[in-house]
Amino acid sequence: MPAELLLNERHVLDEEAFVEIVVWRVPAAVRGSRHRLKYRLALVSNGICVLRYDNEAGKGDHRHIADAQEPHTFSDPEKLLEDFWSALRTGECDECRYPRSRIAR
């Protein structure tokens, strides 16, 4: 079974910032993860990725906030999206603070 693209979205927040969400269903779990999804959810501001949730091979499910990296517990795709949008709404990093009106979720 080939990889299947499930979600590919780009949300422009303002002239300098956007969110990109890409989720694939893959034939086998990515090394370090226990599920068959490969994903990247990112906030890019002024050309710099300031918040990213992903499951890079070998690192498993984790998130980057600015230059820091920490584990993130994956339970299901809906919770992953909820966690990401919540991080933007609550401003978990300095560059993540956007008015609710600019955040679609």
N, C-alpha and C. Protein backbone atom coordinates (compact mmCIF):
# COMPACT_ATOMS: atom_id res chain seq x y z
N MET A 1 0.84 -1.17 0.00
CA MET A 1 0.00 0.00 0.00
C MET A 1 0.90 1.25 0.00
N PRO A 2 0.72 2.15 -0.94
CA PRO A 2 1.51 3.38 -0.96
C PRO A 2 1.02 4.36 0.11
N ALA A 3 1.84 5.35 0.43
CA ALA A 3 1.44 6.39 1.36
C ALA A 3 0.25 7.14 0.79
N GLU A 4 -0.66 7.56 1.68
CA GLU A 4 -1.87 8.27 1.26
C GLU A 4 -1.92 9.63 1.95
N LEU A 5 -1.98 10.68 1.16
CA LEU A 5 -2.07 12.03 1.71
C LEU A 5 -3.47 12.23 2.28
N LEU A 6 -3.56 12.53 3.59
CA LEU A 6 -4.86 12.72 4.24
C LEU A 6 -5.20 14.19 4.41
N LEU A 7 -4.20 15.02 4.61
CA LEU A 7 -4.44 16.43 4.89
C LEU A 7 -3.26 17.24 4.39
N ASN A 8 -3.55 18.31 3.67
CA ASN A 8 -2.51 19.21 3.17
C ASN A 8 -3.12 20.60 3.14
N GLU A 9 -2.87 21.37 4.20
CA GLU A 9 -3.49 22.68 4.35
C GLU A 9 -2.45 23.76 4.62
N ARG A 10 -2.77 24.96 4.17
CA ARG A 10 -1.95 26.13 4.47
C ARG A 10 -2.91 27.24 4.88
N HIS A 11 -2.70 27.79 6.08
CA HIS A 11 -3.54 28.85 6.62
C HIS A 11 -2.68 30.09 6.79
N VAL A 12 -2.99 31.14 6.06
CA VAL A 12 -2.24 32.40 6.18
C VAL A 12 -2.81 33.17 7.36
N LEU A 13 -1.95 33.50 8.33
CA LEU A 13 -2.40 34.22 9.53
C LEU A 13 -2.24 35.72 9.36
N ASP A 14 -1.17 36.13 8.71
CA ASP A 14 -0.96 37.53 8.37
C ASP A 14 0.12 37.58 7.30
N GLU A 15 0.62 38.76 7.01
CA GLU A 15 1.59 38.91 5.92
C GLU A 15 2.89 38.15 6.17
N GLU A 16 3.21 37.89 7.42
CA GLU A 16 4.48 37.25 7.74
C GLU A 16 4.37 35.86 8.34
N ALA A 17 3.15 35.37 8.53
CA ALA A 17 3.01 34.08 9.23
C ALA A 17 1.96 33.20 8.57
N PHE A 18 2.25 31.90 8.60
CA PHE A 18 1.30 30.92 8.09
C PHE A 18 1.46 29.61 8.86
N VAL A 19 0.42 28.80 8.78
CA VAL A 19 0.41 27.46 9.36
C VAL A 19 0.36 26.49 8.20
N GLU A 20 1.17 25.43 8.28
CA GLU A 20 1.13 24.36 7.29
C GLU A 20 0.87 23.05 8.02
N ILE A 21 -0.10 22.30 7.53
CA ILE A 21 -0.46 21.01 8.14
C ILE A 21 -0.44 19.95 7.04
N VAL A 22 0.40 18.93 7.23
CA VAL A 22 0.50 17.84 6.27
C VAL A 22 0.46 16.53 7.06
N VAL A 23 -0.47 15.64 6.68
CA VAL A 23 -0.60 14.34 7.34
C VAL A 23 -0.73 13.26 6.27
N TRP A 24 0.09 12.23 6.41
CA TRP A 24 0.07 11.07 5.50
C TRP A 24 -0.27 9.81 6.29
N ARG A 25 -0.98 8.89 5.68
CA ARG A 25 -1.10 7.53 6.21
C ARG A 25 -0.04 6.72 5.48
N VAL A 26 0.84 6.09 6.25
CA VAL A 26 1.96 5.35 5.66
C VAL A 26 1.76 3.85 5.88
N PRO A 27 2.40 3.02 5.05
CA PRO A 27 2.20 1.57 5.14
C PRO A 27 2.62 0.96 6.48
N ALA A 28 3.64 1.55 7.10
CA ALA A 28 4.12 1.04 8.39
C ALA A 28 4.47 2.24 9.27
N ALA A 29 4.43 2.05 10.56
CA ALA A 29 4.75 3.14 11.49
C ALA A 29 6.14 3.68 11.21
N VAL A 30 6.27 4.99 11.32
CA VAL A 30 7.57 5.65 11.21
C VAL A 30 8.39 5.23 12.42
N ARG A 31 9.66 4.94 12.22
CA ARG A 31 10.52 4.51 13.33
C ARG A 31 10.43 5.51 14.49
N GLY A 32 10.07 5.02 15.66
CA GLY A 32 9.91 5.85 16.85
C GLY A 32 8.46 6.15 17.18
N SER A 33 7.54 5.85 16.26
CA SER A 33 6.11 6.08 16.49
C SER A 33 5.38 4.74 16.51
N ARG A 34 4.19 4.73 17.11
CA ARG A 34 3.40 3.49 17.21
C ARG A 34 2.17 3.50 16.32
N HIS A 35 2.07 4.48 15.46
CA HIS A 35 0.90 4.61 14.59
C HIS A 35 1.37 4.74 13.14
N ARG A 36 0.44 4.68 12.22
CA ARG A 36 0.79 4.70 10.79
C ARG A 36 0.56 6.06 10.15
N LEU A 37 0.80 7.12 10.90
CA LEU A 37 0.69 8.47 10.35
C LEU A 37 2.06 9.12 10.35
N LYS A 38 2.33 9.86 9.31
CA LYS A 38 3.52 10.71 9.21
C LYS A 38 2.99 12.12 9.10
N TYR A 39 3.44 13.02 9.99
CA TYR A 39 2.81 14.34 10.01
C TYR A 39 3.81 15.45 10.31
N ARG A 40 3.38 16.65 9.92
CA ARG A 40 4.11 17.87 10.27
C ARG A 40 3.07 18.98 10.35
N LEU A 41 3.01 19.63 11.47
CA LEU A 41 2.13 20.77 11.69
C LEU A 41 3.05 21.91 12.12
N ALA A 42 3.10 22.98 11.35
CA ALA A 42 4.09 24.01 11.61
C ALA A 42 3.51 25.41 11.55
N LEU A 43 4.02 26.26 12.42
CA LEU A 43 3.78 27.70 12.36
C LEU A 43 5.09 28.33 11.91
N VAL A 44 5.03 29.05 10.78
CA VAL A 44 6.20 29.73 10.25
C VAL A 44 5.93 31.23 10.34
N SER A 45 6.86 31.94 10.98
CA SER A 45 6.72 33.38 11.16
C SER A 45 8.00 34.06 10.71
N ASN A 46 7.89 35.01 9.81
CA ASN A 46 9.05 35.71 9.26
C ASN A 46 10.08 34.73 8.71
N GLY A 47 9.61 33.68 8.05
CA GLY A 47 10.49 32.71 7.43
C GLY A 47 11.13 31.70 8.37
N ILE A 48 10.75 31.73 9.64
CA ILE A 48 11.34 30.83 10.65
C ILE A 48 10.24 29.96 11.23
N CYS A 49 10.51 28.66 11.30
CA CYS A 49 9.57 27.74 11.93
C CYS A 49 9.68 27.90 13.44
N VAL A 50 8.64 28.44 14.07
CA VAL A 50 8.70 28.73 15.49
C VAL A 50 7.95 27.69 16.34
N LEU A 51 7.07 26.91 15.69
CA LEU A 51 6.36 25.84 16.38
C LEU A 51 6.12 24.72 15.39
N ARG A 52 6.50 23.50 15.76
CA ARG A 52 6.27 22.38 14.85
C ARG A 52 6.02 21.11 15.66
N TYR A 53 4.97 20.40 15.27
CA TYR A 53 4.70 19.06 15.79
C TYR A 53 5.01 18.11 14.64
N ASP A 54 5.82 17.10 14.89
CA ASP A 54 6.12 16.14 13.83
C ASP A 54 6.59 14.82 14.42
N ASN A 55 6.79 13.85 13.54
CA ASN A 55 7.29 12.55 13.99
C ASN A 55 8.38 12.09 13.03
N GLU A 56 9.45 12.84 13.06
CA GLU A 56 10.62 12.52 12.25
C GLU A 56 11.11 11.11 12.59
N ALA A 57 11.50 10.37 11.58
CA ALA A 57 11.97 8.98 11.78
C ALA A 57 13.08 8.94 12.82
N GLY A 58 12.92 8.06 13.78
CA GLY A 58 13.92 7.88 14.82
C GLY A 58 13.69 8.75 16.05
N LYS A 59 12.94 9.83 15.91
CA LYS A 59 12.68 10.72 17.04
C LYS A 59 11.30 10.50 17.63
N GLY A 60 10.42 9.87 16.88
CA GLY A 60 9.06 9.65 17.37
C GLY A 60 8.26 10.94 17.41
N ASP A 61 7.16 10.91 18.11
CA ASP A 61 6.25 12.05 18.21
C ASP A 61 6.85 13.10 19.14
N HIS A 62 7.00 14.31 18.63
CA HIS A 62 7.58 15.38 19.43
C HIS A 62 7.16 16.72 18.86
N ARG A 63 7.54 17.78 19.57
CA ARG A 63 7.28 19.12 19.07
C ARG A 63 8.50 20.00 19.30
N HIS A 64 8.60 21.02 18.47
CA HIS A 64 9.66 22.02 18.56
C HIS A 64 8.99 23.34 18.92
N ILE A 65 9.50 23.99 19.92
CA ILE A 65 9.07 25.34 20.25
C ILE A 65 10.33 26.19 20.18
N ALA A 66 10.39 27.05 19.16
CA ALA A 66 11.61 27.80 18.86
C ALA A 66 12.75 26.79 18.69
N ASP A 67 13.80 26.89 19.49
CA ASP A 67 14.94 25.98 19.35
C ASP A 67 14.86 24.75 20.24
N ALA A 68 13.84 24.68 21.08
CA ALA A 68 13.72 23.55 22.01
C ALA A 68 12.89 22.43 21.38
N GLN A 69 13.20 21.20 21.78
CA GLN A 69 12.44 20.04 21.31
C GLN A 69 12.02 19.24 22.53
N GLU A 70 10.77 18.75 22.52
CA GLU A 70 10.27 17.95 23.64
C GLU A 70 9.32 16.89 23.12
N PRO A 71 9.20 15.78 23.84
CA PRO A 71 8.28 14.71 23.42
C PRO A 71 6.84 15.22 23.43
N HIS A 72 6.03 14.63 22.57
CA HIS A 72 4.60 14.91 22.55
C HIS A 72 3.88 13.57 22.46
N THR A 73 2.92 13.36 23.32
CA THR A 73 2.18 12.10 23.32
C THR A 73 1.10 12.13 22.25
N PHE A 74 1.19 11.21 21.30
CA PHE A 74 0.20 11.09 20.24
C PHE A 74 -0.86 10.11 20.68
N SER A 75 -2.15 10.54 20.62
CA SER A 75 -3.23 9.61 20.93
C SER A 75 -4.07 9.35 19.69
N ASP A 76 -4.42 10.42 18.96
CA ASP A 76 -5.16 10.27 17.70
C ASP A 76 -5.03 11.56 16.91
N PRO A 77 -5.37 11.54 15.62
CA PRO A 77 -5.19 12.73 14.78
C PRO A 77 -5.98 13.95 15.27
N GLU A 78 -7.18 13.74 15.77
CA GLU A 78 -7.98 14.85 16.24
C GLU A 78 -7.32 15.56 17.42
N LYS A 79 -6.78 14.78 18.34
CA LYS A 79 -6.12 15.35 19.52
C LYS A 79 -4.83 16.08 19.10
N LEU A 80 -4.12 15.55 18.12
CA LEU A 80 -2.92 16.20 17.61
C LEU A 80 -3.26 17.59 17.08
N LEU A 81 -4.30 17.68 16.24
CA LEU A 81 -4.73 18.97 15.72
C LEU A 81 -5.18 19.91 16.83
N GLU A 82 -5.92 19.37 17.78
CA GLU A 82 -6.38 20.17 18.92
C GLU A 82 -5.20 20.73 19.70
N ASP A 83 -4.21 19.90 19.98
CA ASP A 83 -3.02 20.34 20.73
C ASP A 83 -2.28 21.45 19.98
N PHE A 84 -2.12 21.27 18.67
CA PHE A 84 -1.40 22.26 17.87
C PHE A 84 -2.13 23.60 17.88
N TRP A 85 -3.43 23.60 17.55
CA TRP A 85 -4.17 24.86 17.52
C TRP A 85 -4.25 25.48 18.90
N SER A 86 -4.33 24.67 19.93
CA SER A 86 -4.35 25.19 21.30
C SER A 86 -3.04 25.90 21.63
N ALA A 87 -1.92 25.35 21.18
CA ALA A 87 -0.62 25.98 21.41
C ALA A 87 -0.57 27.37 20.76
N LEU A 88 -1.20 27.50 19.61
CA LEU A 88 -1.25 28.81 18.95
C LEU A 88 -2.15 29.77 19.71
N ARG A 89 -3.32 29.30 20.11
CA ARG A 89 -4.28 30.16 20.81
C ARG A 89 -3.75 30.64 22.15
N THR A 90 -3.05 29.76 22.86
CA THR A 90 -2.58 30.10 24.21
C THR A 90 -1.21 30.75 24.21
N GLY A 91 -0.54 30.79 23.05
CA GLY A 91 0.76 31.46 22.95
C GLY A 91 1.85 30.73 23.68
N GLU A 92 2.01 29.43 23.43
CA GLU A 92 3.03 28.64 24.12
C GLU A 92 4.45 29.05 23.77
N CYS A 93 4.61 29.85 22.73
CA CYS A 93 5.91 30.47 22.45
C CYS A 93 5.63 31.93 22.11
N ASP A 94 6.63 32.79 22.25
CA ASP A 94 6.42 34.22 22.02
C ASP A 94 5.81 34.51 20.66
N GLU A 95 6.28 33.81 19.63
CA GLU A 95 5.81 34.06 18.27
C GLU A 95 4.46 33.39 17.99
N CYS A 96 3.93 32.62 18.94
CA CYS A 96 2.69 31.88 18.72
C CYS A 96 1.45 32.68 19.09
N ARG A 97 1.59 33.89 19.53
CA ARG A 97 0.43 34.65 20.00
C ARG A 97 -0.29 35.31 18.83
N TYR A 98 -1.44 34.76 18.49
CA TYR A 98 -2.26 35.32 17.42
C TYR A 98 -3.67 35.50 17.92
N PRO A 99 -4.32 36.58 17.53
CA PRO A 99 -5.72 36.77 17.96
C PRO A 99 -6.58 35.60 17.50
N ARG A 100 -7.54 35.23 18.30
CA ARG A 100 -8.43 34.11 17.96
C ARG A 100 -9.06 34.29 16.58
N SER A 101 -9.32 35.52 16.19
CA SER A 101 -9.96 35.76 14.89
C SER A 101 -9.09 35.31 13.72
N ARG A 102 -7.78 35.20 13.93
CA ARG A 102 -6.88 34.79 12.85
C ARG A 102 -6.65 33.30 12.83
N ILE A 103 -7.08 32.62 13.89
CA ILE A 103 -6.88 31.17 13.97
C ILE A 103 -8.18 30.47 13.67
N ALA A 104 -8.17 29.71 12.59
CA ALA A 104 -9.39 29.13 12.05
C ALA A 104 -10.02 28.07 12.93
N ARG A 105 -9.26 27.38 13.73
CA ARG A 105 -9.79 26.24 14.50
C ARG A 105 -10.24 26.63 15.88
